[in-house]
Amino acid sequence: MSDTDSTRVWDTETAARYDTPGEGMLAPEALDPCVDRLAELAGDGAALEFAVGTGRVAVPLAARGVPVTGIELSEAMVAQLRTKADEAALPVVVGDMATATVPGEFALVYLVYNTISNLLTQQEQVECFRNAAGHLAPGGRFVVELGVPELRRLPPGQEGLLFTADPGYIGADTYDVVNQHLVSHHFLFGEGRQARVFRVKQRYAWPSELDLMARIAGFELESRHADWQGAEFTGDSRSHVSVYRLPASG
């Protein structure tokens, strides 16, 4: 089994160090705009998070008064979430976000921070869109946050790109352009000579490809921005927040 296999990547060790309160993706400037936007989109309805993880987004969204349910494949990540919210406050179904179902009807289904790319085939990603549609009320929305593949930066014959080089941390992506896969390599350095390596395999998808997946599942693109604050999406944007909507009844 590869060390990029999801059952090994999202294990107890990863779950224990995944949360960084007040820093990184849990810093207010990163988290608050995301929660604000999702609360706005949910309105008076309930929300379902695919790949809820340790509750980075779901817990503060529920604190805003939005009823939130989660689907999560990793039991270790759910166990970490349970240190912050019990089953009554934030119900979670353990399963694959492409196939697992939960009871009820939702105004909003969302997945954030590139999690759709954890599904490693196009078919699985299409099924994820279909699964979202199956949980939504008429007029409901599906929100996807995903990076834009940086293949324009990849010279011919080169298979990898450095995306971060900070004190104590180096990040690099290696690409398999035939299978539309990439592996993100995260190298963490301490005071000594040893480094911790964390690798995640993903399937990248272009915004236009996601739009076609959405159409297959019955959605229309409602909006696309470069970030949660609503910045314009351009050809130079490195990520996007796309909102898809089902037709309203009648």
Protein backbone atom coordinates (compact mmCIF):
# COMPACT_ATOMS: atom_id res chain seq x y z
CA MET A 1 0.00 0.00 0.00
CA SER A 2 1.41 3.41 -0.98
CA ASP A 3 2.03 6.07 1.65
CA THR A 4 -0.19 8.33 -0.48
CA ASP A 5 -3.18 5.95 -0.05
CA SER A 6 -6.00 7.78 1.74
CA THR A 7 -6.27 5.18 4.50
CA ARG A 8 -2.65 5.86 5.42
CA VAL A 9 -2.55 9.61 4.78
CA TRP A 10 -5.50 10.58 6.96
CA ASP A 11 -4.52 8.50 9.97
CA THR A 12 -4.42 9.20 13.71
CA GLU A 13 -1.04 10.96 13.52
CA THR A 14 -2.24 13.29 10.75
CA ALA A 15 -5.52 13.99 12.53
CA ALA A 16 -3.70 14.90 15.76
CA ARG A 17 -1.55 17.55 14.06
CA TYR A 18 -4.05 18.67 11.43
CA ASP A 19 -5.55 21.47 13.52
CA THR A 20 -3.41 24.55 14.09
CA PRO A 21 -5.63 26.89 16.15
CA GLY A 22 -5.24 30.49 15.06
CA GLU A 23 -2.62 29.65 12.44
CA GLY A 24 -2.47 28.47 8.82
CA MET A 25 -5.90 27.53 7.48
CA LEU A 26 -7.36 28.14 10.95
CA ALA A 27 -6.14 31.74 11.06
CA PRO A 28 -9.09 34.17 11.20
CA GLU A 29 -8.12 35.80 7.91
CA ALA A 30 -8.31 32.41 6.17
CA LEU A 31 -11.28 30.89 7.96
CA ASP A 32 -13.68 33.74 8.65
CA PRO A 33 -14.39 34.74 5.01
CA CYS A 34 -15.09 31.08 4.17
CA VAL A 35 -17.52 30.65 7.06
CA ASP A 36 -19.17 34.01 6.31
CA ARG A 37 -19.80 33.05 2.70
CA LEU A 38 -21.11 29.57 3.50
CA ALA A 39 -23.47 30.95 6.16
CA GLU A 40 -24.78 33.44 3.60
CA LEU A 41 -25.36 30.70 1.03
CA ALA A 42 -27.05 28.37 3.54
CA GLY A 43 -29.49 31.07 4.64
CA ASP A 44 -32.13 29.51 6.88
CA GLY A 45 -31.39 26.00 5.63
CA ALA A 46 -29.11 23.17 6.66
CA ALA A 47 -25.64 22.45 5.28
CA LEU A 48 -23.79 19.24 4.46
CA GLU A 49 -19.99 19.18 4.30
CA PHE A 50 -18.30 16.54 2.17
CA ALA A 51 -14.96 15.46 3.71
CA VAL A 52 -15.69 17.31 6.95
CA GLY A 53 -12.33 16.28 8.42
CA THR A 54 -11.68 17.62 11.91
CA GLY A 55 -14.41 20.24 11.59
CA ARG A 56 -12.19 23.20 10.67
CA VAL A 57 -15.10 24.82 8.80
CA ALA A 58 -18.11 22.86 10.07
CA VAL A 59 -17.66 23.69 13.76
CA PRO A 60 -17.59 27.49 13.37
CA LEU A 61 -20.35 27.32 10.74
CA ALA A 62 -22.55 25.41 13.20
CA ALA A 63 -21.70 28.03 15.83
CA ARG A 64 -23.28 30.60 13.48
CA GLY A 65 -26.57 28.75 13.84
CA VAL A 66 -26.41 26.75 10.58
CA PRO A 67 -27.32 23.07 11.16
CA VAL A 68 -24.33 21.15 9.76
CA THR A 69 -23.91 17.46 8.99
CA GLY A 70 -20.71 15.89 7.70
CA ILE A 71 -19.50 12.96 5.61
CA GLU A 72 -15.93 11.81 6.30
CA LEU A 73 -13.96 8.76 5.16
CA SER A 74 -11.34 8.84 7.93
CA GLU A 75 -12.46 7.65 11.35
CA ALA A 76 -9.30 9.19 12.81
CA MET A 77 -10.33 12.63 11.54
CA VAL A 78 -13.83 12.15 12.96
CA ALA A 79 -12.34 11.22 16.34
CA GLN A 80 -10.42 14.52 16.32
CA LEU A 81 -13.60 16.39 15.38
CA ARG A 82 -15.33 14.78 18.38
CA THR A 83 -12.96 16.63 20.71
CA LYS A 84 -14.72 19.80 19.54
CA ALA A 85 -18.33 18.79 18.82
CA ASP A 86 -20.43 15.78 19.77
CA GLU A 87 -22.79 13.83 17.52
CA ALA A 88 -25.80 15.87 18.59
CA ALA A 89 -24.10 19.14 17.68
CA LEU A 90 -22.54 17.93 14.43
CA PRO A 91 -23.69 14.54 13.07
CA VAL A 92 -21.17 12.72 10.86
CA VAL A 93 -21.59 9.71 8.58
CA VAL A 94 -18.38 7.74 8.00
CA GLY A 95 -18.10 7.05 4.29
CA ASP A 96 -16.97 8.13 0.83
CA MET A 97 -18.26 11.56 -0.22
CA ALA A 98 -18.98 10.20 -3.72
CA THR A 99 -21.41 7.55 -2.47
CA ALA A 100 -22.33 7.97 1.21
CA THR A 101 -25.75 9.40 2.02
CA VAL A 102 -27.29 11.07 5.04
CA PRO A 103 -30.95 11.63 5.90
CA GLY A 104 -32.58 14.97 5.34
CA GLU A 105 -32.64 17.66 2.68
CA PHE A 106 -30.13 20.49 2.53
CA ALA A 107 -29.93 24.02 1.20
CA LEU A 108 -26.16 23.78 0.82
CA VAL A 109 -23.58 21.07 0.17
CA TYR A 110 -19.96 22.18 0.19
CA LEU A 111 -16.41 20.89 0.04
CA VAL A 112 -13.40 23.07 0.66
CA TYR A 113 -9.63 23.26 0.38
CA ASN A 114 -9.19 20.96 -2.65
CA THR A 115 -10.93 17.95 -1.12
CA ILE A 116 -12.69 16.92 -4.34
CA SER A 117 -9.21 16.18 -5.71
CA ASN A 118 -8.90 13.34 -3.19
CA LEU A 119 -11.20 11.42 -5.53
CA LEU A 120 -8.67 10.02 -7.99
CA THR A 121 -10.83 9.33 -11.06
CA GLN A 122 -13.07 11.51 -13.17
CA GLN A 123 -15.95 9.10 -12.61
CA GLU A 124 -15.65 9.41 -8.83
CA GLN A 125 -15.67 13.19 -9.12
CA VAL A 126 -18.78 13.06 -11.32
CA GLU A 127 -20.44 10.83 -8.73
CA CYS A 128 -19.55 13.38 -6.07
CA PHE A 129 -21.51 16.03 -7.98
CA ARG A 130 -24.41 13.61 -8.36
CA ASN A 131 -24.29 12.79 -4.66
CA ALA A 132 -24.41 16.49 -3.82
CA ALA A 133 -27.42 16.96 -6.09
CA GLY A 134 -29.19 14.05 -4.42
CA HIS A 135 -28.93 15.71 -1.01
CA LEU A 136 -30.12 19.16 -2.08
CA ALA A 137 -33.55 20.72 -2.08
CA PRO A 138 -34.68 22.33 -5.36
CA GLY A 139 -32.67 25.52 -5.82
CA GLY A 140 -29.96 24.23 -3.50
CA ARG A 141 -26.29 25.02 -4.00
CA PHE A 142 -23.08 23.00 -4.20
CA VAL A 143 -19.87 24.90 -3.42
CA VAL A 144 -16.44 23.66 -4.52
CA GLU A 145 -13.13 25.25 -3.53
CA LEU A 146 -10.26 23.97 -5.68
CA GLY A 147 -6.85 25.01 -6.89
CA VAL A 148 -6.17 25.70 -10.55
CA PRO A 149 -3.56 23.30 -12.01
CA GLU A 150 -0.27 25.15 -12.41
CA LEU A 151 0.81 23.33 -15.55
CA ARG A 152 1.73 26.61 -17.25
CA ARG A 153 4.67 26.77 -14.82
CA LEU A 154 5.82 23.24 -15.70
CA PRO A 155 8.57 23.35 -18.38
CA PRO A 156 8.71 20.52 -20.93
CA GLY A 157 10.47 17.52 -19.46
CA GLN A 158 10.10 18.68 -15.85
CA GLU A 159 7.80 16.70 -13.58
CA GLY A 160 7.69 18.82 -10.42
CA LEU A 161 7.23 22.33 -9.08
CA LEU A 162 8.18 23.95 -5.78
CA PHE A 163 5.16 25.78 -4.36
CA THR A 164 6.44 26.81 -0.91
CA ALA A 165 9.86 27.28 0.67
CA ASP A 166 9.60 28.59 4.22
CA PRO A 167 11.79 28.10 7.30
CA GLY A 168 10.99 24.60 8.54
CA TYR A 169 8.79 23.70 5.57
CA ILE A 170 9.17 22.93 1.87
CA GLY A 171 6.26 21.99 -0.41
CA ALA A 172 6.48 20.56 -3.93
CA ASP A 173 4.06 19.02 -6.42
CA THR A 174 4.95 16.29 -8.90
CA TYR A 175 2.67 15.75 -11.89
CA ASP A 176 1.47 12.75 -13.89
CA VAL A 177 -0.11 14.58 -16.81
CA VAL A 178 -1.23 11.38 -18.55
CA ASN A 179 -3.48 10.34 -15.66
CA GLN A 180 -4.20 13.91 -14.49
CA HIS A 181 -2.69 13.18 -11.08
CA LEU A 182 -0.36 15.10 -8.83
CA VAL A 183 1.33 14.27 -5.56
CA SER A 184 1.84 17.06 -3.04
CA HIS A 185 5.00 16.50 -0.99
CA HIS A 186 5.25 18.31 2.34
CA PHE A 187 8.64 18.30 4.10
CA LEU A 188 8.66 19.51 7.72
CA PHE A 189 11.99 20.28 9.39
CA GLY A 190 12.72 20.57 13.10
CA GLU A 191 15.86 21.50 14.98
CA GLY A 192 17.68 18.26 14.19
CA ARG A 193 18.76 16.59 10.96
CA GLN A 194 15.55 14.61 10.47
CA ALA A 195 12.52 15.68 8.43
CA ARG A 196 8.93 14.49 8.44
CA VAL A 197 7.45 13.78 5.01
CA PHE A 198 3.71 13.94 4.30
CA ARG A 199 2.46 13.12 0.80
CA VAL A 200 -1.02 13.38 -0.71
CA LYS A 201 -2.08 12.05 -4.12
CA GLN A 202 -4.76 14.02 -5.93
CA ARG A 203 -6.58 14.26 -9.25
CA TYR A 204 -6.50 17.80 -10.57
CA ALA A 205 -9.36 19.20 -12.64
CA TRP A 206 -9.77 22.40 -14.59
CA PRO A 207 -12.69 24.73 -13.80
CA SER A 208 -14.25 23.96 -17.19
CA GLU A 209 -14.11 20.23 -16.42
CA LEU A 210 -15.92 20.80 -13.13
CA ASP A 211 -18.55 22.81 -15.00
CA LEU A 212 -19.23 19.82 -17.26
CA MET A 213 -19.44 17.49 -14.24
CA ALA A 214 -21.94 19.92 -12.74
CA ARG A 215 -24.09 19.87 -15.90
CA ILE A 216 -24.11 16.07 -15.89
CA ALA A 217 -25.49 16.21 -12.35
CA GLY A 218 -28.12 18.83 -13.21
CA PHE A 219 -26.37 21.97 -11.89
CA GLU A 220 -25.71 25.35 -13.47
CA LEU A 221 -22.75 27.53 -12.55
CA GLU A 222 -24.05 30.44 -10.50
CA SER A 223 -20.78 32.21 -9.66
CA ARG A 224 -17.02 31.76 -9.61
CA HIS A 225 -14.53 33.86 -7.68
CA ALA A 226 -10.83 33.64 -6.93
CA ASP A 227 -11.37 33.46 -3.17
CA TRP A 228 -13.99 33.53 -0.41
CA GLN A 229 -13.99 37.33 -0.32
CA GLY A 230 -15.32 37.48 -3.88
CA ALA A 231 -12.21 38.56 -5.79
CA GLU A 232 -12.51 38.35 -9.56
CA PHE A 233 -11.48 35.04 -11.09
CA THR A 234 -8.93 35.58 -13.86
CA GLY A 235 -6.49 33.60 -15.95
CA ASP A 236 -3.87 34.21 -13.26
CA SER A 237 -5.97 32.98 -10.32
CA ARG A 238 -4.41 30.06 -8.47
CA SER A 239 -7.68 28.79 -7.01
CA HIS A 240 -11.40 29.29 -7.28
CA VAL A 241 -14.60 29.09 -5.28
CA SER A 242 -17.37 27.90 -7.59
CA VAL A 243 -21.06 27.91 -6.66
CA TYR A 244 -23.35 25.56 -8.57
CA ARG A 245 -27.10 25.61 -8.24
CA LEU A 246 -29.94 23.21 -8.97
CA PRO A 247 -33.04 24.53 -10.74
CA ALA A 248 -35.78 25.69 -8.41
CA SER A 249 -38.96 23.63 -8.45
CA GLY A 250 -41.72 24.70 -10.76
